[in-house]
Protein backbone atom coordinates (compact mmCIF):
# COMPACT_ATOMS: atom_id res chain seq x y z
CA VAL A 1 0.08 0.02 0.05
CA ASN A 2 2.78 2.43 0.97
CA SER A 3 6.43 2.59 1.96
CA PHE A 4 7.95 5.09 4.31
CA ARG A 5 11.47 5.77 5.62
CA ASP A 6 9.76 7.22 8.88
CA LYS A 7 8.58 4.34 11.13
CA TYR A 8 6.09 6.67 12.76
CA GLN A 9 4.41 7.53 9.49
CA ALA A 10 4.20 3.88 8.60
CA GLU A 11 2.64 3.05 12.01
CA LYS A 12 0.10 5.87 11.56
CA SER A 13 -0.85 4.46 8.13
CA VAL A 14 -1.39 0.96 9.49
CA GLU A 15 -3.48 2.45 12.37
CA ARG A 16 -5.69 4.32 9.89
CA LEU A 17 -6.22 1.34 7.66
CA LYS A 18 -6.97 -0.93 10.55
CA SER A 19 -9.48 1.64 11.75
CA HIS A 20 -11.23 1.33 8.37
CA GLY A 21 -11.40 -2.55 8.69
CA TYR A 22 -8.33 -3.53 6.64
CA SER A 23 -5.85 -6.25 7.79
CA ALA A 24 -2.90 -3.81 7.57
CA PHE A 25 0.59 -4.52 8.98
CA MET A 26 4.06 -3.17 8.60
CA VAL A 27 7.31 -4.91 7.52
CA ALA A 28 10.84 -3.24 7.85
CA LYS A 29 12.91 -3.93 4.79
CA LEU A 30 16.63 -2.84 4.31
CA ILE A 31 17.28 -1.72 0.78
CA GLU A 32 20.77 -1.72 -0.42
CA GLY A 33 21.86 1.80 -1.26
CA SER A 34 18.78 3.29 0.16
CA GLY A 35 18.54 2.23 3.70
CA LEU A 36 15.67 1.01 5.97
CA TRP A 37 12.12 1.39 4.73
CA TYR A 38 8.80 0.58 6.54
CA ARG A 39 6.38 -1.05 4.05
CA VAL A 40 2.72 -0.97 4.83
CA ARG A 41 0.84 -3.99 3.56
CA VAL A 42 -2.83 -5.18 3.52
CA GLY A 43 -3.81 -8.82 3.46
CA ARG A 44 -2.47 -12.06 2.14
CA PHE A 45 -3.92 -13.32 -1.05
CA VAL A 46 -4.26 -16.83 -2.70
CA SER A 47 -3.93 -15.41 -6.24
CA ARG A 48 -2.89 -12.38 -8.08
CA GLU A 49 -6.37 -11.86 -9.34
CA GLU A 50 -7.66 -11.69 -5.74
CA ALA A 51 -5.02 -9.24 -4.86
CA GLU A 52 -5.80 -7.03 -7.92
CA LYS A 53 -9.50 -6.82 -6.86
CA TYR A 54 -8.48 -5.82 -3.39
CA ALA A 55 -6.09 -3.24 -4.84
CA GLN A 56 -8.92 -1.77 -6.77
CA LEU A 57 -11.04 -1.52 -3.73
CA LEU A 58 -8.26 0.37 -1.82
CA ARG A 59 -7.91 2.71 -4.86
CA ASN A 60 -11.66 3.50 -4.82
CA SER A 61 -12.29 3.62 -1.08
CA GLU A 62 -9.13 4.88 0.31
CA LYS A 63 -7.74 6.86 -2.61
CA LEU A 64 -4.47 5.03 -2.38
CA GLN A 65 -2.18 3.69 -5.16
CA PRO A 66 -1.35 0.25 -3.92
CA PHE A 67 0.97 -2.10 -5.80
CA ILE A 68 1.11 -5.93 -5.72
CA THR A 69 4.31 -7.71 -4.49
CA GLY A 70 5.33 -11.17 -3.59
CA ALA A 71 5.61 -12.14 0.08
CA ASP A 72 9.43 -11.88 -0.06
CA ASN A 73 9.48 -8.18 -1.27
């Protein structure tokens, strides 16, 4: 859903999404040459098609620009 360098901003984003009923969580990821980033994610999906439908819901209802990644990204 989002990626932040600031942990506080990521936590606030997770809190907001959870308050709207989404299964949001944060993952810290060290990116070579860029440092530590805090990624805000929503859900775990069985198929890419399911993830795409959910991403469209987030675009429409939350005005976000989510992107789909694999679990290891």
